[in-house]
Every structure is written in structure tokens, then in C-alpha cells.
């Protein structure tokens, strides 16, 4: 299902002066950012990862290091892309509340 209101907001934001350059700059910056793989072993606490099964920006194959970490609870959300907090807000909030309550 297409969320037309989100698409309209996104279109308006991308139509603002300078937005194209800001987006490209952010994209280039994220490509240079340190990768989590080398830091994952340093995390000594329980982690919760909610991953959209249809995420095109960071595909599901990148969840493997978290699966091998041991302190991770990973939940794959069906029919969900890169923004589970927005696409599945009620479910996302329930899962996070339950995780934090433990």
C-alpha cells in the first residue's frame, strides 16, 4: 500500500532549495561512516533490533552480525521497509515497550 501523504511530504521536502545537495552530502557522509561490525563486540548489553523484511536501504542480509552477537533480540517485521517506527508504529511501540519493561 502506498502512503500518499508521506510521499507528498517527502516530495515537498525534496523540492526545497538546496535539498538535492543536502541529500547527496548526507549520502556521501554515511558511506564514509565507520561500520558497526568492528564495534559490535564492544557492546555489552541487550539489544533490540526491529528490521523491515522489505527494507531496500539496508537489506535483511545485514542482520547476520547481530544474530551472531548473542545479546540481540531481533524481530523481522513483515510487509515493512526501512522505517518500521512509521510503517508499523503501533506494533513497533508495543515491541519496544515490552523490551524496555524487562
N, C-alpha and C. Protein backbone atom coordinates (compact mmCIF):
# COMPACT_ATOMS: atom_id res chain seq x y z
N UNK A 1 0.84 -1.17 0.00
CA UNK A 1 0.00 0.00 0.00
C UNK A 1 0.89 1.24 0.00
N UNK A 2 0.58 2.19 -0.82
CA UNK A 2 1.35 3.42 -0.94
C UNK A 2 0.80 4.46 0.03
N UNK A 3 1.69 5.08 0.79
CA UNK A 3 1.29 6.15 1.70
C UNK A 3 1.46 7.47 0.95
N UNK A 4 0.36 7.97 0.38
CA UNK A 4 0.43 9.17 -0.44
C UNK A 4 0.76 10.41 0.37
N UNK A 5 0.30 10.50 1.62
CA UNK A 5 0.61 11.68 2.42
C UNK A 5 2.11 11.75 2.70
N UNK A 6 2.73 10.62 3.00
CA UNK A 6 4.18 10.62 3.22
C UNK A 6 4.90 10.98 1.93
N UNK A 7 4.45 10.44 0.84
CA UNK A 7 5.07 10.75 -0.46
C UNK A 7 4.96 12.25 -0.76
N UNK A 8 3.84 12.85 -0.44
CA UNK A 8 3.67 14.29 -0.68
C UNK A 8 4.61 15.11 0.20
N UNK A 9 4.73 14.75 1.47
CA UNK A 9 5.64 15.46 2.37
C UNK A 9 7.07 15.32 1.87
N UNK A 10 7.45 14.12 1.50
CA UNK A 10 8.80 13.88 1.01
C UNK A 10 9.06 14.67 -0.27
N UNK A 11 8.09 14.69 -1.16
CA UNK A 11 8.23 15.45 -2.40
C UNK A 11 8.44 16.94 -2.11
N UNK A 12 7.65 17.47 -1.18
CA UNK A 12 7.78 18.90 -0.83
C UNK A 12 9.16 19.19 -0.24
N UNK A 13 9.64 18.30 0.63
CA UNK A 13 10.96 18.49 1.23
C UNK A 13 12.06 18.44 0.18
N UNK A 14 11.94 17.50 -0.74
CA UNK A 14 12.97 17.37 -1.77
C UNK A 14 12.89 18.48 -2.81
N UNK A 15 11.79 19.20 -2.83
CA UNK A 15 11.63 20.32 -3.76
C UNK A 15 12.19 21.63 -3.20
N UNK A 16 12.56 21.64 -1.93
CA UNK A 16 13.10 22.86 -1.32
C UNK A 16 14.47 23.19 -1.92
N UNK A 17 14.81 24.47 -1.96
CA UNK A 17 16.12 24.85 -2.50
C UNK A 17 17.25 24.20 -1.70
N UNK A 18 18.19 23.62 -2.39
CA UNK A 18 19.35 23.02 -1.75
C UNK A 18 19.14 21.61 -1.23
N UNK A 19 17.93 21.09 -1.29
CA UNK A 19 17.66 19.77 -0.72
C UNK A 19 18.40 18.66 -1.46
N UNK A 20 18.54 18.80 -2.76
CA UNK A 20 19.26 17.80 -3.54
C UNK A 20 20.70 17.69 -3.05
N UNK A 21 21.33 18.82 -2.83
CA UNK A 21 22.72 18.82 -2.38
C UNK A 21 22.85 18.31 -0.95
N UNK A 22 21.87 18.63 -0.11
CA UNK A 22 21.89 18.14 1.26
C UNK A 22 21.75 16.62 1.29
N UNK A 23 20.87 16.11 0.46
CA UNK A 23 20.66 14.66 0.41
C UNK A 23 21.93 13.96 -0.07
N UNK A 24 22.54 14.47 -1.13
CA UNK A 24 23.76 13.86 -1.67
C UNK A 24 24.88 13.93 -0.64
N UNK A 25 25.00 15.05 0.06
CA UNK A 25 26.03 15.21 1.09
C UNK A 25 25.83 14.18 2.21
N UNK A 26 24.59 14.02 2.65
CA UNK A 26 24.30 13.05 3.71
C UNK A 26 24.60 11.63 3.25
N UNK A 27 24.27 11.33 2.02
CA UNK A 27 24.53 10.01 1.46
C UNK A 27 26.03 9.73 1.39
N UNK A 28 26.79 10.70 0.94
CA UNK A 28 28.24 10.54 0.88
C UNK A 28 28.83 10.36 2.28
N UNK A 29 28.31 11.12 3.23
CA UNK A 29 28.79 11.03 4.61
C UNK A 29 28.51 9.67 5.21
N UNK A 30 27.34 9.11 4.94
CA UNK A 30 27.02 7.80 5.50
C UNK A 30 27.88 6.71 4.88
N UNK A 31 28.30 6.90 3.65
CA UNK A 31 29.17 5.91 3.01
C UNK A 31 30.55 5.89 3.66
N UNK A 32 30.95 7.01 4.26
CA UNK A 32 32.26 7.10 4.91
C UNK A 32 32.19 6.79 6.41
N UNK A 33 31.01 6.61 6.93
CA UNK A 33 30.84 6.38 8.37
C UNK A 33 31.46 5.04 8.77
N UNK A 34 31.97 4.96 10.00
CA UNK A 34 32.53 3.69 10.46
C UNK A 34 31.46 2.61 10.50
N UNK A 35 31.83 1.42 10.18
CA UNK A 35 30.87 0.32 10.16
C UNK A 35 30.72 -0.28 11.55
N UNK A 36 29.53 -0.76 11.83
CA UNK A 36 29.22 -1.30 13.16
C UNK A 36 29.93 -2.60 13.44
N UNK A 37 30.32 -3.35 12.41
CA UNK A 37 30.91 -4.68 12.61
C UNK A 37 32.08 -4.65 13.59
N UNK A 38 32.95 -3.66 13.46
CA UNK A 38 34.15 -3.61 14.28
C UNK A 38 33.83 -3.21 15.72
N UNK A 39 32.72 -2.59 15.97
CA UNK A 39 32.36 -2.12 17.31
C UNK A 39 31.36 -3.03 18.01
N UNK A 40 30.78 -3.94 17.31
CA UNK A 40 29.70 -4.75 17.86
C UNK A 40 30.15 -5.57 19.07
N UNK A 41 31.35 -6.10 19.05
CA UNK A 41 31.84 -6.92 20.16
C UNK A 41 32.00 -6.11 21.44
N UNK A 42 32.12 -4.79 21.33
CA UNK A 42 32.27 -3.93 22.50
C UNK A 42 30.95 -3.67 23.22
N UNK A 43 29.85 -3.99 22.61
CA UNK A 43 28.54 -3.74 23.22
C UNK A 43 28.23 -4.87 24.19
N UNK A 44 28.06 -4.50 25.45
CA UNK A 44 27.82 -5.50 26.49
C UNK A 44 26.47 -5.25 27.16
N UNK A 45 25.46 -5.20 26.36
CA UNK A 45 24.11 -5.02 26.88
C UNK A 45 23.13 -5.68 25.91
N UNK A 46 21.93 -5.88 26.35
CA UNK A 46 20.92 -6.46 25.48
C UNK A 46 20.53 -5.44 24.41
N UNK A 47 20.35 -5.93 23.19
CA UNK A 47 19.96 -5.06 22.08
C UNK A 47 18.66 -5.57 21.48
N UNK A 48 17.87 -4.63 21.02
CA UNK A 48 16.64 -4.94 20.31
C UNK A 48 16.77 -4.35 18.92
N UNK A 49 16.60 -5.20 17.92
CA UNK A 49 16.62 -4.74 16.54
C UNK A 49 15.30 -5.08 15.89
N UNK A 50 14.65 -4.08 15.34
CA UNK A 50 13.44 -4.30 14.57
C UNK A 50 13.80 -3.98 13.13
N UNK A 51 13.63 -4.95 12.27
CA UNK A 51 14.09 -4.83 10.88
C UNK A 51 12.93 -5.10 9.94
N UNK A 52 12.72 -4.21 9.01
CA UNK A 52 11.69 -4.43 8.00
C UNK A 52 12.16 -5.46 6.98
N UNK A 53 11.37 -6.48 6.78
CA UNK A 53 11.75 -7.55 5.85
C UNK A 53 11.95 -7.02 4.43
N UNK A 54 11.22 -5.98 4.07
CA UNK A 54 11.32 -5.42 2.72
C UNK A 54 12.19 -4.17 2.69
N UNK A 55 13.08 -3.99 3.65
CA UNK A 55 13.96 -2.82 3.69
C UNK A 55 14.89 -2.87 2.48
N UNK A 56 14.81 -1.86 1.64
CA UNK A 56 15.65 -1.78 0.44
C UNK A 56 16.93 -1.00 0.72
N UNK A 57 16.93 -0.14 1.74
CA UNK A 57 18.11 0.67 2.04
C UNK A 57 19.18 -0.14 2.77
N UNK A 58 18.74 -0.92 3.76
CA UNK A 58 19.66 -1.79 4.49
C UNK A 58 19.00 -3.18 4.50
N UNK A 59 19.28 -3.97 3.49
CA UNK A 59 18.61 -5.26 3.33
C UNK A 59 18.83 -6.20 4.52
N UNK A 60 17.95 -7.14 4.63
CA UNK A 60 17.93 -8.10 5.73
C UNK A 60 19.24 -8.87 5.88
N UNK A 61 20.00 -9.02 4.82
CA UNK A 61 21.25 -9.78 4.91
C UNK A 61 22.23 -9.14 5.90
N UNK A 62 22.07 -7.87 6.20
CA UNK A 62 22.98 -7.18 7.12
C UNK A 62 22.66 -7.43 8.60
N UNK A 63 21.65 -8.21 8.87
CA UNK A 63 21.31 -8.52 10.26
C UNK A 63 22.21 -9.61 10.85
N UNK A 64 22.89 -10.36 10.00
CA UNK A 64 23.69 -11.52 10.45
C UNK A 64 24.65 -11.22 11.60
N UNK A 65 25.48 -10.15 11.55
CA UNK A 65 26.39 -9.91 12.68
C UNK A 65 25.66 -9.74 14.01
N UNK A 66 24.47 -9.18 13.97
CA UNK A 66 23.69 -9.02 15.19
C UNK A 66 23.18 -10.38 15.68
N UNK A 67 22.85 -11.26 14.76
CA UNK A 67 22.40 -12.61 15.13
C UNK A 67 23.51 -13.36 15.83
N UNK A 68 24.73 -13.14 15.41
CA UNK A 68 25.87 -13.84 15.98
C UNK A 68 26.38 -13.20 17.27
N UNK A 69 25.92 -12.03 17.59
CA UNK A 69 26.41 -11.29 18.76
C UNK A 69 26.02 -11.95 20.07
N UNK A 70 24.80 -12.43 20.17
CA UNK A 70 24.39 -13.12 21.39
C UNK A 70 23.48 -12.31 22.29
N UNK A 71 23.71 -11.02 22.42
CA UNK A 71 22.87 -10.18 23.27
C UNK A 71 21.79 -9.47 22.47
N UNK A 72 21.43 -10.01 21.34
CA UNK A 72 20.49 -9.33 20.46
C UNK A 72 19.16 -10.06 20.42
N UNK A 73 18.11 -9.28 20.48
CA UNK A 73 16.78 -9.79 20.17
C UNK A 73 16.40 -9.13 18.86
N UNK A 74 16.19 -9.95 17.85
CA UNK A 74 15.93 -9.44 16.51
C UNK A 74 14.51 -9.82 16.10
N UNK A 75 13.77 -8.82 15.66
CA UNK A 75 12.40 -9.05 15.21
C UNK A 75 12.31 -8.53 13.78
N UNK A 76 11.94 -9.42 12.88
CA UNK A 76 11.77 -9.07 11.47
C UNK A 76 10.29 -8.79 11.24
N UNK A 77 10.00 -7.59 10.77
CA UNK A 77 8.61 -7.19 10.55
C UNK A 77 8.22 -7.42 9.10
N UNK A 78 7.20 -8.21 8.90
CA UNK A 78 6.67 -8.50 7.57
C UNK A 78 6.02 -7.24 6.98
N UNK A 79 6.02 -7.15 5.67
CA UNK A 79 5.38 -6.04 4.95
C UNK A 79 5.84 -4.69 5.50
N UNK A 80 7.14 -4.59 5.71
CA UNK A 80 7.70 -3.37 6.29
C UNK A 80 9.04 -3.10 5.63
N UNK A 81 9.30 -1.82 5.40
CA UNK A 81 10.55 -1.42 4.77
C UNK A 81 11.54 -0.84 5.77
N UNK A 82 12.14 0.28 5.41
CA UNK A 82 13.24 0.87 6.16
C UNK A 82 12.79 1.63 7.41
N UNK A 83 11.50 1.92 7.53
CA UNK A 83 11.03 2.76 8.63
C UNK A 83 9.95 2.07 9.47
N UNK A 84 10.32 1.03 10.20
CA UNK A 84 9.31 0.31 10.97
C UNK A 84 8.61 1.19 12.01
N UNK A 85 9.29 2.20 12.53
CA UNK A 85 8.68 3.09 13.52
C UNK A 85 7.53 3.89 12.91
N UNK A 86 7.54 4.10 11.61
CA UNK A 86 6.47 4.82 10.94
C UNK A 86 5.50 3.88 10.23
N UNK A 87 6.04 2.84 9.61
CA UNK A 87 5.21 1.93 8.82
C UNK A 87 4.36 1.00 9.68
N UNK A 88 4.89 0.63 10.84
CA UNK A 88 4.20 -0.28 11.76
C UNK A 88 4.25 0.31 13.17
N UNK A 89 3.84 1.56 13.29
CA UNK A 89 4.04 2.33 14.53
C UNK A 89 3.47 1.64 15.77
N UNK A 90 2.25 1.15 15.72
CA UNK A 90 1.64 0.53 16.91
C UNK A 90 2.41 -0.71 17.33
N UNK A 91 2.74 -1.56 16.37
CA UNK A 91 3.49 -2.78 16.67
C UNK A 91 4.89 -2.43 17.16
N UNK A 92 5.54 -1.49 16.50
CA UNK A 92 6.87 -1.04 16.90
C UNK A 92 6.85 -0.57 18.36
N UNK A 93 5.90 0.30 18.70
CA UNK A 93 5.83 0.83 20.06
C UNK A 93 5.57 -0.26 21.09
N UNK A 94 4.72 -1.21 20.76
CA UNK A 94 4.44 -2.31 21.69
C UNK A 94 5.69 -3.14 21.92
N UNK A 95 6.39 -3.48 20.87
CA UNK A 95 7.60 -4.30 20.99
C UNK A 95 8.65 -3.57 21.84
N UNK A 96 8.84 -2.28 21.58
CA UNK A 96 9.84 -1.51 22.33
C UNK A 96 9.42 -1.40 23.80
N UNK A 97 8.15 -1.12 24.07
CA UNK A 97 7.68 -1.04 25.46
C UNK A 97 7.91 -2.35 26.20
N UNK A 98 7.57 -3.46 25.54
CA UNK A 98 7.75 -4.78 26.17
C UNK A 98 9.22 -5.06 26.45
N UNK A 99 10.08 -4.69 25.51
CA UNK A 99 11.51 -4.91 25.66
C UNK A 99 12.06 -4.10 26.84
N UNK A 100 11.65 -2.84 26.93
CA UNK A 100 12.15 -1.97 27.99
C UNK A 100 11.60 -2.35 29.36
N UNK A 101 10.44 -2.99 29.38
CA UNK A 101 9.83 -3.39 30.65
C UNK A 101 10.55 -4.58 31.29
N UNK A 102 11.33 -5.30 30.51
CA UNK A 102 12.02 -6.50 31.02
C UNK A 102 13.30 -6.15 31.71
